[in-house]
Structures are given as C-alpha cells and as structure tokens.
C-alpha cells in the first residue's frame, strides 16, 4: 500500500465513523452536536455531511437552512434519493408543496429509491393541502414497508386523513387498535407516529365531548410512554386554561439522582411544578427558576428536557 492510499483509506474510515456518530446524535435528538459532526464531514469531503446537516437543521425546525444545505449536497450528488426525499419534507414543512412534490418525483427517479416512503410523504402533503381523499389513495398504493416505523407513520397518516374527512369512527377504531398493539408488544420503534395517533384520538374524543379528566389522563399516559412534544400540546388543548397572570417560566428541577429542564406557562413556579408532577413519576423540586415574560398562551408544559442522571454523594 502506498502512502497516498494509506491516508485516503484512513480519511474514509474516519469519515464513516463520524457519519455513524452523526446518525446516533440525530436519533438522540442532539441536533446541535450533529451539526458539528456534519461540518467535520464537510472538511473530509464526505457527501453524507449534507444529509447529517439537513437532518439536524430539520430537527431544530430550521427548515430553510436544511433546504439550503440539501440543495448544496444534491448539486454534488444528484442520485442521492434520501436527500431528495428529505428536501421534499423540509419544503413541505415550509408549505412549499409544489416544490416538495417535485423533490419527491426526483427521489422516485433515483435508482434504489423506496417508493413506499415517497408515497407516504406525498400523502402527508395531500393532507396538508386538505385533500384527504388523495392522501388515502396514495396510502392505498403502498404494498410493503421497509420498517415497522414507516408502517406506523403510514397508519398515523391514515388516522389523520380519516379524521380530516370526518370519518371519526374509523379513525378512532384504527388508532385505538394500533395503540393497543404497540403498547402490548412493548415496542420501541415509531414513538413519534404513536404520539401522533394518540393526539388525534384525543382531539376526536374532545370534539365529541368526552369527559375532560379522562381525556387528560389518556394524553398524559401516552406522553409518558412516548415523551413526544406533540402530546404536550394535546394536554394543553384538553386543559385549555388561560390566565391574565400567566408567565413563561424556565425551571431547572431535581429529584434524587436526576435533573430535568422544563419550559412552562403558569401563574407561578409552584403551579408549573404541579403541572410537571402530573407528568413525571419522580418527586421533583425546583432547583432554579427564571421568569421570561408574561405569556398570552394556554397554561401547561411546553418543553421537557432529557433526564440528566448523576450519582449522589454517599456519607
């Protein structure tokens, strides 16, 4: 092996390792750290840098930046169908639906593309355009799924489309059966899709006039199972409490062996802590609190950080 080949192989091995680290950070929702990995990959001229950066920016809700870096990457590697698909999803989140559909067409034209994922994303665009019949037609085309997670995303989208068409009985039945299977099997995959299904069911039941306490217990139960922010929104919608005295609080909480960060809207830090205690099993107490500003928003929890564990000192 000559020296040039040695250094090239070493650079490729380092890039491959960094790429895997980037994906792990994306899955852990550590998007800021994933961006740093993406920049390192760029310096190594590794084409996967654009995918990592695009996913990280999307995770940070910086969809315009995601579109920018993905277009840069696709100019260099136009046959990378996952990047065309991600570009379409970011454009869809920006409500640029015609451009999103064109990106999905480009993804489908690439060799090795997964049509089930692409049609699922087209179905999401159709529902966002309130064309729920078209969404169901696209979902009906899908015959096979690459993974259980994609299958759950498709079920979630079907529940949303049925709800959009006012076919609430069908939506609730499909959603409830799916949640029961997922819970009984103790599955780990598809937590975002499962949270979306639970949220949709809660909204159907709320519109029907079901008991608010039961709805709140249902939404809290599924938040505890998935820890997905969409269900924090659902909990606030079910509670629907507002106050002219409400403020936005940032709290740092602690319980034995664990710290937690929380953003909340409440009349006081003590009320914010009471909201937290509905969600968390540990006996959290306030370690530090900042009042950001008055808040003209529904009261409740808006963000819960990952738990940070520590070992308590022993005497």
C-alpha atoms as a PDB file:
ATOM      1  CA  UNK A   1       0.000   0.000   0.000  1.00  0.00           C
ATOM      2  CA  UNK A   2       1.480   3.373  -0.990  1.00  0.00           C
ATOM      3  CA  UNK A   3       1.336   6.388   1.308  1.00  0.00           C
ATOM      4  CA  UNK A   4      -1.427   8.146  -0.674  1.00  0.00           C
ATOM      5  CA  UNK A   5      -3.690   5.111  -0.464  1.00  0.00           C
ATOM      6  CA  UNK A   6      -2.996   4.776   3.271  1.00  0.00           C
ATOM      7  CA  UNK A   7      -4.048   8.358   4.028  1.00  0.00           C
ATOM      8  CA  UNK A   8      -7.104   8.116   1.759  1.00  0.00           C
ATOM      9  CA  UNK A   9      -8.281   4.937   3.470  1.00  0.00           C
ATOM     10  CA  UNK A  10      -7.682   6.451   6.892  1.00  0.00           C
ATOM     11  CA  UNK A  11      -9.689   9.556   5.938  1.00  0.00           C
ATOM     12  CA  UNK A  12     -12.555   7.412   4.637  1.00  0.00           C
ATOM     13  CA  UNK A  13     -12.581   5.313   7.815  1.00  0.00           C
ATOM     14  CA  UNK A  14     -12.676   8.459   9.953  1.00  0.00           C
ATOM     15  CA  UNK A  15     -15.482   9.906   7.829  1.00  0.00           C
ATOM     16  CA  UNK A  16     -17.514   6.690   8.083  1.00  0.00           C
ATOM     17  CA  UNK A  17     -17.107   6.673  11.868  1.00  0.00           C
ATOM     18  CA  UNK A  18     -18.140  10.328  12.130  1.00  0.00           C
ATOM     19  CA  UNK A  19     -21.158   9.689   9.891  1.00  0.00           C
ATOM     20  CA  UNK A  20     -22.333   6.893  12.215  1.00  0.00           C
ATOM     21  CA  UNK A  21     -21.806   9.204  15.210  1.00  0.00           C
ATOM     22  CA  UNK A  22     -23.872  11.862  13.437  1.00  0.00           C
ATOM     23  CA  UNK A  23     -26.769   9.464  12.959  1.00  0.00           C
ATOM     24  CA  UNK A  24     -26.606   8.432  16.618  1.00  0.00           C
ATOM     25  CA  UNK A  25     -26.829  12.084  17.639  1.00  0.00           C
ATOM     26  CA  UNK A  26     -29.793  12.629  15.309  1.00  0.00           C
ATOM     27  CA  UNK A  27     -31.587   9.664  16.863  1.00  0.00           C
ATOM     28  CA  UNK A  28     -30.803  11.070  20.335  1.00  0.00           C
ATOM     29  CA  UNK A  29     -32.174  14.458  19.183  1.00  0.00           C
ATOM     30  CA  UNK A  30     -28.812  16.097  19.933  1.00  0.00           C
ATOM     31  CA  UNK A  31     -29.132  18.220  16.814  1.00  0.00           C
ATOM     32  CA  UNK A  32     -26.568  20.882  17.724  1.00  0.00           C
ATOM     33  CA  UNK A  33     -23.877  18.254  18.205  1.00  0.00           C
ATOM     34  CA  UNK A  34     -24.954  16.547  14.962  1.00  0.00           C
ATOM     35  CA  UNK A  35     -24.389  19.831  13.108  1.00  0.00           C
ATOM     36  CA  UNK A  36     -20.811  19.892  14.397  1.00  0.00           C
ATOM     37  CA  UNK A  37     -20.317  16.376  13.028  1.00  0.00           C
ATOM     38  CA  UNK A  38     -21.737  17.475   9.679  1.00  0.00           C
ATOM     39  CA  UNK A  39     -19.214  20.316   9.466  1.00  0.00           C
ATOM     40  CA  UNK A  40     -16.347  17.944  10.251  1.00  0.00           C
ATOM     41  CA  UNK A  41     -17.581  15.636   7.490  1.00  0.00           C
ATOM     42  CA  UNK A  42     -17.581  18.538   5.047  1.00  0.00           C
ATOM     43  CA  UNK A  43     -13.900  19.138   5.773  1.00  0.00           C
ATOM     44  CA  UNK A  44     -13.313  15.479   4.887  1.00  0.00           C
ATOM     45  CA  UNK A  45     -15.258  15.948   1.602  1.00  0.00           C
ATOM     46  CA  UNK A  46     -17.744  13.262   2.692  1.00  0.00           C
ATOM     47  CA  UNK A  47     -21.039  13.543   0.826  1.00  0.00           C
ATOM     48  CA  UNK A  48     -23.027  12.296   3.837  1.00  0.00           C
ATOM     49  CA  UNK A  49     -22.243  15.621   5.525  1.00  0.00           C
ATOM     50  CA  UNK A  50     -25.192  17.249   3.771  1.00  0.00           C
ATOM     51  CA  UNK A  51     -27.599  14.551   4.935  1.00  0.00           C
ATOM     52  CA  UNK A  52     -26.483  14.913   8.573  1.00  0.00           C
ATOM     53  CA  UNK A  53     -26.660  18.714   8.416  1.00  0.00           C
ATOM     54  CA  UNK A  54     -30.066  18.598   6.720  1.00  0.00           C
ATOM     55  CA  UNK A  55     -31.487  16.252   9.342  1.00  0.00           C
ATOM     56  CA  UNK A  56     -30.010  18.354  12.155  1.00  0.00           C
ATOM     57  CA  UNK A  57     -31.395  21.620  10.808  1.00  0.00           C
ATOM     58  CA  UNK A  58     -34.798  19.970  10.292  1.00  0.00           C
ATOM     59  CA  UNK A  59     -34.701  18.697  13.870  1.00  0.00           C
ATOM     60  CA  UNK A  60     -34.039  22.271  15.036  1.00  0.00           C
ATOM     61  CA  UNK A  61     -37.017  23.491  12.934  1.00  0.00           C
ATOM     62  CA  UNK A  62     -34.586  25.464  10.778  1.00  0.00           C
ATOM     63  CA  UNK A  63     -36.105  24.141   7.572  1.00  0.00           C
ATOM     64  CA  UNK A  64     -34.800  26.983   5.407  1.00  0.00           C
ATOM     65  CA  UNK A  65     -31.230  26.100   6.391  1.00  0.00           C
ATOM     66  CA  UNK A  66     -31.987  22.423   5.794  1.00  0.00           C
ATOM     67  CA  UNK A  67     -33.203  23.222   2.269  1.00  0.00           C
ATOM     68  CA  UNK A  68     -30.049  25.231   1.595  1.00  0.00           C
ATOM     69  CA  UNK A  69     -27.561  22.530   2.633  1.00  0.00           C
ATOM     70  CA  UNK A  70     -29.532  19.741   0.960  1.00  0.00           C
ATOM     71  CA  UNK A  71     -29.543  21.627  -2.331  1.00  0.00           C
ATOM     72  CA  UNK A  72     -25.769  22.068  -1.976  1.00  0.00           C
ATOM     73  CA  UNK A  73     -25.373  18.335  -1.464  1.00  0.00           C
ATOM     74  CA  UNK A  74     -27.698  17.382  -4.312  1.00  0.00           C
ATOM     75  CA  UNK A  75     -25.764  19.604  -6.696  1.00  0.00           C
ATOM     76  CA  UNK A  76     -22.773  17.360  -5.958  1.00  0.00           C
ATOM     77  CA  UNK A  77     -24.628  14.020  -5.703  1.00  0.00           C
ATOM     78  CA  UNK A  78     -27.947  14.233  -7.608  1.00  0.00           C
ATOM     79  CA  UNK A  79     -28.551  10.466  -7.351  1.00  0.00           C
ATOM     80  CA  UNK A  80     -28.904  10.504  -3.530  1.00  0.00           C
ATOM     81  CA  UNK A  81     -32.628   9.761  -3.233  1.00  0.00           C
ATOM     82  CA  UNK A  82     -32.792  10.072   0.601  1.00  0.00           C
ATOM     83  CA  UNK A  83     -31.618  13.677   0.280  1.00  0.00           C
ATOM     84  CA  UNK A  84     -34.269  14.432  -2.359  1.00  0.00           C
ATOM     85  CA  UNK A  85     -36.849  12.957  -0.023  1.00  0.00           C
ATOM     86  CA  UNK A  86     -35.594  14.960   2.962  1.00  0.00           C
ATOM     87  CA  UNK A  87     -35.555  18.090   0.797  1.00  0.00           C
ATOM     88  CA  UNK A  88     -39.203  17.425  -0.098  1.00  0.00           C
ATOM     89  CA  UNK A  89     -40.154  17.003   3.556  1.00  0.00           C
ATOM     90  CA  UNK A  90     -38.454  20.274   4.533  1.00  0.00           C
ATOM     91  CA  UNK A  91     -40.166  22.121   1.677  1.00  0.00           C
ATOM     92  CA  UNK A  92     -43.467  20.581   2.810  1.00  0.00           C
ATOM     93  CA  UNK A  93     -42.854  21.877   6.349  1.00  0.00           C
ATOM     94  CA  UNK A  94     -42.316  25.314   4.790  1.00  0.00           C
ATOM     95  CA  UNK A  95     -45.691  24.939   2.987  1.00  0.00           C
ATOM     96  CA  UNK A  96     -43.935  24.969  -0.396  1.00  0.00           C
ATOM     97  CA  UNK A  97     -45.958  21.993  -1.534  1.00  0.00           C
ATOM     98  CA  UNK A  98     -45.426  22.132  -5.315  1.00  0.00           C
ATOM     99  CA  UNK A  99     -41.659  22.211  -4.806  1.00  0.00           C
ATOM    100  CA  UNK A 100     -41.955  19.386  -2.286  1.00  0.00           C
ATOM    101  CA  UNK A 101     -43.789  17.183  -4.782  1.00  0.00           C
ATOM    102  CA  UNK A 102     -41.154  17.887  -7.431  1.00  0.00           C
ATOM    103  CA  UNK A 103     -38.461  16.815  -4.966  1.00  0.00           C
ATOM    104  CA  UNK A 104     -40.345  13.572  -4.294  1.00  0.00           C
ATOM    105  CA  UNK A 105     -40.537  12.994  -8.063  1.00  0.00           C
ATOM    106  CA  UNK A 106     -36.758  13.386  -8.259  1.00  0.00           C
ATOM    107  CA  UNK A 107     -36.361  10.957  -5.360  1.00  0.00           C
ATOM    108  CA  UNK A 108     -38.514   8.351  -7.126  1.00  0.00           C
ATOM    109  CA  UNK A 109     -36.447   8.692 -10.309  1.00  0.00           C
ATOM    110  CA  UNK A 110     -33.248   7.715  -8.466  1.00  0.00           C
ATOM    111  CA  UNK A 111     -32.025   4.133  -8.559  1.00  0.00           C
ATOM    112  CA  UNK A 112     -32.840   2.181  -5.393  1.00  0.00           C
ATOM    113  CA  UNK A 113     -35.435   4.622  -4.072  1.00  0.00           C
ATOM    114  CA  UNK A 114     -38.103   3.373  -1.653  1.00  0.00           C
ATOM    115  CA  UNK A 115     -41.470   4.183  -3.217  1.00  0.00           C
ATOM    116  CA  UNK A 116     -43.361   3.355  -0.021  1.00  0.00           C
ATOM    117  CA  UNK A 117     -41.610   6.172   1.852  1.00  0.00           C
ATOM    118  CA  UNK A 118     -42.033   8.570  -1.051  1.00  0.00           C
ATOM    119  CA  UNK A 119     -45.765   7.859  -1.432  1.00  0.00           C
ATOM    120  CA  UNK A 120     -46.198   8.250   2.324  1.00  0.00           C
ATOM    121  CA  UNK A 121     -44.643  11.699   2.141  1.00  0.00           C
ATOM    122  CA  UNK A 122     -46.831  12.577  -0.844  1.00  0.00           C
ATOM    123  CA  UNK A 123     -49.828  11.524   1.251  1.00  0.00           C
ATOM    124  CA  UNK A 124     -48.718  13.888   4.025  1.00  0.00           C
ATOM    125  CA  UNK A 125     -48.530  16.755   1.507  1.00  0.00           C
ATOM    126  CA  UNK A 126     -52.037  15.917   0.256  1.00  0.00           C
ATOM    127  CA  UNK A 127     -53.480  16.093   3.776  1.00  0.00           C
ATOM    128  CA  UNK A 128     -51.674  19.374   4.435  1.00  0.00           C
ATOM    129  CA  UNK A 129     -53.448  20.677   1.343  1.00  0.00           C
ATOM    130  CA  UNK A 130     -56.738  19.356   2.823  1.00  0.00           C
ATOM    131  CA  UNK A 131     -57.012  16.768   0.039  1.00  0.00           C
ATOM    132  CA  UNK A 132     -57.618  13.871   2.420  1.00  0.00           C
ATOM    133  CA  UNK A 133     -59.157  11.634  -0.267  1.00  0.00           C
ATOM    134  CA  UNK A 134     -55.951  11.921  -2.298  1.00  0.00           C
ATOM    135  CA  UNK A 135     -53.970  11.150   0.843  1.00  0.00           C
ATOM    136  CA  UNK A 136     -55.892   7.897   1.345  1.00  0.00           C
ATOM    137  CA  UNK A 137     -55.444   6.965  -2.330  1.00  0.00           C
ATOM    138  CA  UNK A 138     -51.668   7.364  -2.018  1.00  0.00           C
ATOM    139  CA  UNK A 139     -51.610   5.302   1.179  1.00  0.00           C
ATOM    140  CA  UNK A 140     -53.636   2.566  -0.540  1.00  0.00           C
ATOM    141  CA  UNK A 141     -50.898   2.281  -3.189  1.00  0.00           C
ATOM    142  CA  UNK A 142     -48.328   1.183  -0.589  1.00  0.00           C
ATOM    143  CA  UNK A 143     -47.950  -2.587  -0.568  1.00  0.00           C
ATOM    144  CA  UNK A 144     -44.859  -3.065   1.559  1.00  0.00           C
ATOM    145  CA  UNK A 145     -42.968  -1.184   4.268  1.00  0.00           C
ATOM    146  CA  UNK A 146     -39.228  -1.047   4.811  1.00  0.00           C
ATOM    147  CA  UNK A 147     -39.666  -0.969   8.594  1.00  0.00           C
ATOM    148  CA  UNK A 148     -42.221  -1.060  11.371  1.00  0.00           C
ATOM    149  CA  UNK A 149     -41.571   2.640  11.990  1.00  0.00           C
ATOM    150  CA  UNK A 150     -42.606   3.574   8.451  1.00  0.00           C
ATOM    151  CA  UNK A 151     -45.689   1.362   8.762  1.00  0.00           C
ATOM    152  CA  UNK A 152     -46.675   3.217  11.948  1.00  0.00           C
ATOM    153  CA  UNK A 153     -46.136   6.552  10.202  1.00  0.00           C
ATOM    154  CA  UNK A 154     -48.478   5.395   7.442  1.00  0.00           C
ATOM    155  CA  UNK A 155     -51.131   4.352   9.966  1.00  0.00           C
ATOM    156  CA  UNK A 156     -50.770   7.711  11.702  1.00  0.00           C
ATOM    157  CA  UNK A 157     -51.292   9.488   8.392  1.00  0.00           C
ATOM    158  CA  UNK A 158     -54.351   7.332   7.610  1.00  0.00           C
ATOM    159  CA  UNK A 159     -55.872   8.210  11.010  1.00  0.00           C
ATOM    160  CA  UNK A 160     -55.246  11.907  10.301  1.00  0.00           C
ATOM    161  CA  UNK A 161     -56.810  11.686   6.821  1.00  0.00           C
ATOM    162  CA  UNK A 162     -59.881   9.824   8.086  1.00  0.00           C
ATOM    163  CA  UNK A 163     -60.302  12.438  10.809  1.00  0.00           C
ATOM    164  CA  UNK A 164     -59.942  15.171   8.185  1.00  0.00           C
ATOM    165  CA  UNK A 165     -62.785  13.596   6.209  1.00  0.00           C
ATOM    166  CA  UNK A 166     -64.991  13.437   9.302  1.00  0.00           C
ATOM    167  CA  UNK A 167     -64.811   9.631   9.396  1.00  0.00           C
ATOM    168  CA  UNK A 168     -64.038   9.813  13.099  1.00  0.00           C
ATOM    169  CA  UNK A 169     -65.342   6.372  13.998  1.00  0.00           C
ATOM    170  CA  UNK A 170     -62.993   4.697  11.522  1.00  0.00           C
ATOM    171  CA  UNK A 171     -60.094   6.918  12.601  1.00  0.00           C
ATOM    172  CA  UNK A 172     -60.638   6.202  16.295  1.00  0.00           C
ATOM    173  CA  UNK A 173     -61.041   2.455  15.744  1.00  0.00           C
ATOM    174  CA  UNK A 174     -57.845   2.169  13.654  1.00  0.00           C
ATOM    175  CA  UNK A 175     -55.908   4.406  16.020  1.00  0.00           C
ATOM    176  CA  UNK A 176     -57.051   2.606  19.168  1.00  0.00           C
ATOM    177  CA  UNK A 177     -56.233  -0.832  17.757  1.00  0.00           C
ATOM    178  CA  UNK A 178     -52.776   0.378  16.713  1.00  0.00           C
ATOM    179  CA  UNK A 179     -52.037   1.889  20.132  1.00  0.00           C
ATOM    180  CA  UNK A 180     -53.125  -1.310  21.875  1.00  0.00           C
ATOM    181  CA  UNK A 181     -50.864  -3.479  19.703  1.00  0.00           C
ATOM    182  CA  UNK A 182     -47.901  -1.123  20.185  1.00  0.00           C
ATOM    183  CA  UNK A 183     -48.406  -0.957  23.968  1.00  0.00           C
ATOM    184  CA  UNK A 184     -48.937  -4.694  24.436  1.00  0.00           C
ATOM    185  CA  UNK A 185     -45.857  -5.544  22.359  1.00  0.00           C
ATOM    186  CA  UNK A 186     -43.712  -3.051  24.329  1.00  0.00           C
ATOM    187  CA  UNK A 187     -42.399  -1.661  21.044  1.00  0.00           C
ATOM    188  CA  UNK A 188     -39.691   0.997  20.895  1.00  0.00           C
ATOM    189  CA  UNK A 189     -39.951   1.962  17.229  1.00  0.00           C
ATOM    190  CA  UNK A 190     -42.301   4.591  15.948  1.00  0.00           C
ATOM    191  CA  UNK A 191     -42.775   6.696  19.070  1.00  0.00           C
ATOM    192  CA  UNK A 192     -43.400   9.869  17.063  1.00  0.00           C
ATOM    193  CA  UNK A 193     -46.083   8.185  14.969  1.00  0.00           C
ATOM    194  CA  UNK A 194     -47.685   6.609  18.034  1.00  0.00           C
ATOM    195  CA  UNK A 195     -47.779  10.004  19.764  1.00  0.00           C
ATOM    196  CA  UNK A 196     -49.431  11.498  16.676  1.00  0.00           C
ATOM    197  CA  UNK A 197     -52.078   8.756  16.703  1.00  0.00           C
ATOM    198  CA  UNK A 198     -52.766   9.289  20.421  1.00  0.00           C
ATOM    199  CA  UNK A 199     -53.049  13.042  19.877  1.00  0.00           C
ATOM    200  CA  UNK A 200     -55.506  12.569  17.008  1.00  0.00           C
ATOM    201  CA  UNK A 201     -57.674  10.226  19.101  1.00  0.00           C
ATOM    202  CA  UNK A 202     -57.705  12.715  21.987  1.00  0.00           C
ATOM    203  CA  UNK A 203     -58.856  15.501  19.642  1.00  0.00           C
ATOM    204  CA  UNK A 204     -61.599  13.274  18.199  1.00  0.00           C
ATOM    205  CA  UNK A 205     -62.856  12.487  21.694  1.00  0.00           C
ATOM    206  CA  UNK A 206     -62.600  16.106  22.771  1.00  0.00           C
ATOM    207  CA  UNK A 207     -64.701  17.237  19.819  1.00  0.00           C
ATOM    208  CA  UNK A 208     -67.241  14.523  20.719  1.00  0.00           C
ATOM    209  CA  UNK A 209     -67.495  15.947  24.225  1.00  0.00           C
ATOM    210  CA  UNK A 210     -65.896  13.107  26.194  1.00  0.00           C
ATOM    211  CA  UNK A 211     -65.038  13.634  29.855  1.00  0.00           C
ATOM    212  CA  UNK A 212     -62.119  16.077  30.149  1.00  0.00           C
ATOM    213  CA  UNK A 213     -60.467  14.280  33.078  1.00  0.00           C
ATOM    214  CA  UNK A 214     -60.440  11.013  31.132  1.00  0.00           C
ATOM    215  CA  UNK A 215     -59.016  12.774  28.082  1.00  0.00           C
ATOM    216  CA  UNK A 216     -56.301  14.383  30.184  1.00  0.00           C
ATOM    217  CA  UNK A 217     -55.381  11.033  31.753  1.00  0.00           C
ATOM    218  CA  UNK A 218     -55.253   9.440  28.280  1.00  0.00           C
ATOM    219  CA  UNK A 219     -52.969  12.159  26.877  1.00  0.00           C
ATOM    220  CA  UNK A 220     -50.670  12.080  29.928  1.00  0.00           C
ATOM    221  CA  UNK A 221     -50.423   8.284  29.763  1.00  0.00           C
ATOM    222  CA  UNK A 222     -49.306   8.372  26.132  1.00  0.00           C
ATOM    223  CA  UNK A 223     -46.918  11.257  26.758  1.00  0.00           C
ATOM    224  CA  UNK A 224     -45.262   9.157  29.459  1.00  0.00           C
ATOM    225  CA  UNK A 225     -44.964   6.252  27.018  1.00  0.00           C
ATOM    226  CA  UNK A 226     -43.536   8.323  24.136  1.00  0.00           C
ATOM    227  CA  UNK A 227     -42.268  11.581  25.690  1.00  0.00           C
ATOM    228  CA  UNK A 228     -43.244  13.322  22.472  1.00  0.00           C
ATOM    229  CA  UNK A 229     -43.808  17.081  22.435  1.00  0.00           C
ATOM    230  CA  UNK A 230     -46.949  16.821  20.294  1.00  0.00           C
ATOM    231  CA  UNK A 231     -48.729  15.312  23.283  1.00  0.00           C
ATOM    232  CA  UNK A 232     -47.694  18.247  25.478  1.00  0.00           C
ATOM    233  CA  UNK A 233     -49.669  20.377  23.000  1.00  0.00           C
ATOM    234  CA  UNK A 234     -52.592  17.950  23.270  1.00  0.00           C
ATOM    235  CA  UNK A 235     -52.521  18.116  27.077  1.00  0.00           C
ATOM    236  CA  UNK A 236     -52.665  21.920  26.924  1.00  0.00           C
ATOM    237  CA  UNK A 237     -55.520  21.793  24.404  1.00  0.00           C
ATOM    238  CA  UNK A 238     -57.531  19.429  26.603  1.00  0.00           C
ATOM    239  CA  UNK A 239     -56.874  21.509  29.731  1.00  0.00           C
ATOM    240  CA  UNK A 240     -57.483  24.864  27.954  1.00  0.00           C
ATOM    241  CA  UNK A 241     -56.595  27.016  30.946  1.00  0.00           C
ATOM    242  CA  UNK A 242     -55.644  30.643  30.420  1.00  0.00           C
ATOM    243  CA  UNK A 243     -54.835  33.391  32.877  1.00  0.00           C
ATOM    244  CA  UNK A 244     -54.056  37.090  32.689  1.00  0.00           C
ATOM    245  CA  UNK A 245     -51.415  36.461  35.357  1.00  0.00           C
ATOM    246  CA  UNK A 246     -49.585  33.697  33.458  1.00  0.00           C
ATOM    247  CA  UNK A 247     -45.867  33.913  32.800  1.00  0.00           C
ATOM    248  CA  UNK A 248     -43.393  31.833  30.850  1.00  0.00           C
ATOM    249  CA  UNK A 249     -41.045  30.038  33.250  1.00  0.00           C
ATOM    250  CA  UNK A 250     -37.796  28.167  32.647  1.00  0.00           C
ATOM    251  CA  UNK A 251     -37.264  25.719  35.502  1.00  0.00           C
ATOM    252  CA  UNK A 252     -34.380  23.519  36.481  1.00  0.00           C
ATOM    253  CA  UNK A 253     -35.704  20.705  38.647  1.00  0.00           C
ATOM    254  CA  UNK A 254     -34.054  17.976  40.639  1.00  0.00           C
ATOM    255  CA  UNK A 255     -35.029  14.721  42.273  1.00  0.00           C
ATOM    256  CA  UNK A 256     -32.707  12.168  43.852  1.00  0.00           C
ATOM    257  CA  UNK A 257     -30.171  11.245  41.168  1.00  0.00           C
ATOM    258  CA  UNK A 258     -31.699  13.245  38.306  1.00  0.00           C
ATOM    259  CA  UNK A 259     -32.003  16.783  36.892  1.00  0.00           C
ATOM    260  CA  UNK A 260     -34.689  17.973  34.475  1.00  0.00           C
ATOM    261  CA  UNK A 261     -35.250  21.173  32.494  1.00  0.00           C
ATOM    262  CA  UNK A 262     -38.783  22.404  31.817  1.00  0.00           C
ATOM    263  CA  UNK A 263     -40.438  25.315  29.994  1.00  0.00           C
ATOM    264  CA  UNK A 264     -43.920  26.103  31.278  1.00  0.00           C
ATOM    265  CA  UNK A 265     -46.654  28.725  31.235  1.00  0.00           C
ATOM    266  CA  UNK A 266     -48.247  29.142  34.653  1.00  0.00           C
ATOM    267  CA  UNK A 267     -49.293  31.709  37.242  1.00  0.00           C
ATOM    268  CA  UNK A 268     -46.362  30.793  39.488  1.00  0.00           C
ATOM    269  CA  UNK A 269     -43.362  28.451  39.655  1.00  0.00           C
ATOM    270  CA  UNK A 270     -45.336  26.324  42.112  1.00  0.00           C
ATOM    271  CA  UNK A 271     -48.154  25.864  39.607  1.00  0.00           C
ATOM    272  CA  UNK A 272     -45.610  24.992  36.911  1.00  0.00           C
ATOM    273  CA  UNK A 273     -44.158  22.363  39.252  1.00  0.00           C
ATOM    274  CA  UNK A 274     -47.656  20.954  39.806  1.00  0.00           C
ATOM    275  CA  UNK A 275     -48.017  20.540  36.034  1.00  0.00           C
ATOM    276  CA  UNK A 276     -44.680  18.701  35.949  1.00  0.00           C
ATOM    277  CA  UNK A 277     -45.739  16.360  38.722  1.00  0.00           C
ATOM    278  CA  UNK A 278     -48.703  15.261  36.605  1.00  0.00           C
ATOM    279  CA  UNK A 279     -46.207  14.020  34.017  1.00  0.00           C
ATOM    280  CA  UNK A 280     -43.179  12.784  35.933  1.00  0.00           C
ATOM    281  CA  UNK A 281     -43.020   9.951  38.478  1.00  0.00           C
ATOM    282  CA  UNK A 282     -40.045  11.353  40.411  1.00  0.00           C
ATOM    283  CA  UNK A 283     -40.622  13.793  43.325  1.00  0.00           C
ATOM    284  CA  UNK A 284     -39.086  16.780  41.546  1.00  0.00           C
ATOM    285  CA  UNK A 285     -38.388  20.043  43.368  1.00  0.00           C
ATOM    286  CA  UNK A 286     -37.372  23.431  41.982  1.00  0.00           C
ATOM    287  CA  UNK A 287     -33.606  23.965  41.831  1.00  0.00           C
ATOM    288  CA  UNK A 288     -33.631  27.191  39.814  1.00  0.00           C
ATOM    289  CA  UNK A 289     -36.297  29.266  38.060  1.00  0.00           C
ATOM    290  CA  UNK A 290     -36.321  32.134  35.572  1.00  0.00           C
ATOM    291  CA  UNK A 291     -39.398  34.120  34.630  1.00  0.00           C
ATOM    292  CA  UNK A 292     -39.007  35.035  30.969  1.00  0.00           C
ATOM    293  CA  UNK A 293     -42.044  37.198  30.210  1.00  0.00           C
ATOM    294  CA  UNK A 294     -45.815  37.406  30.531  1.00  0.00           C
ATOM    295  CA  UNK A 295     -47.472  34.758  28.380  1.00  0.00           C
ATOM    296  CA  UNK A 296     -50.724  35.015  26.436  1.00  0.00           C
ATOM    297  CA  UNK A 297     -50.789  31.258  25.853  1.00  0.00           C
ATOM    298  CA  UNK A 298     -52.599  28.264  27.361  1.00  0.00           C
ATOM    299  CA  UNK A 299     -51.123  27.196  30.677  1.00  0.00           C
ATOM    300  CA  UNK A 300     -49.149  23.971  30.852  1.00  0.00           C
ATOM    301  CA  UNK A 301     -45.824  22.387  29.930  1.00  0.00           C
ATOM    302  CA  UNK A 302     -44.188  23.335  26.625  1.00  0.00           C
ATOM    303  CA  UNK A 303     -40.869  21.515  26.807  1.00  0.00           C
ATOM    304  CA  UNK A 304     -39.300  18.778  28.924  1.00  0.00           C
ATOM    305  CA  UNK A 305     -35.598  18.048  28.550  1.00  0.00           C
ATOM    306  CA  UNK A 306     -33.991  14.646  28.629  1.00  0.00           C
ATOM    307  CA  UNK A 307     -33.177  13.483  32.133  1.00  0.00           C
ATOM    308  CA  UNK A 308     -29.601  14.130  33.299  1.00  0.00           C
ATOM    309  CA  UNK A 309     -28.604  11.495  35.819  1.00  0.00           C
ATOM    310  CA  UNK A 310     -25.942  11.848  38.494  1.00  0.00           C
ATOM    311  CA  UNK A 311     -24.617   9.816  41.378  1.00  0.00           C
ATOM    312  CA  UNK A 312     -25.431  11.193  44.780  1.00  0.00           C
ATOM    313  CA  UNK A 313     -22.575  11.529  47.202  1.00  0.00           C
ATOM    314  CA  UNK A 314     -22.633   8.983  49.988  1.00  0.00           C
ATOM    315  CA  UNK A 315     -21.675   9.969  53.524  1.00  0.00           C
END
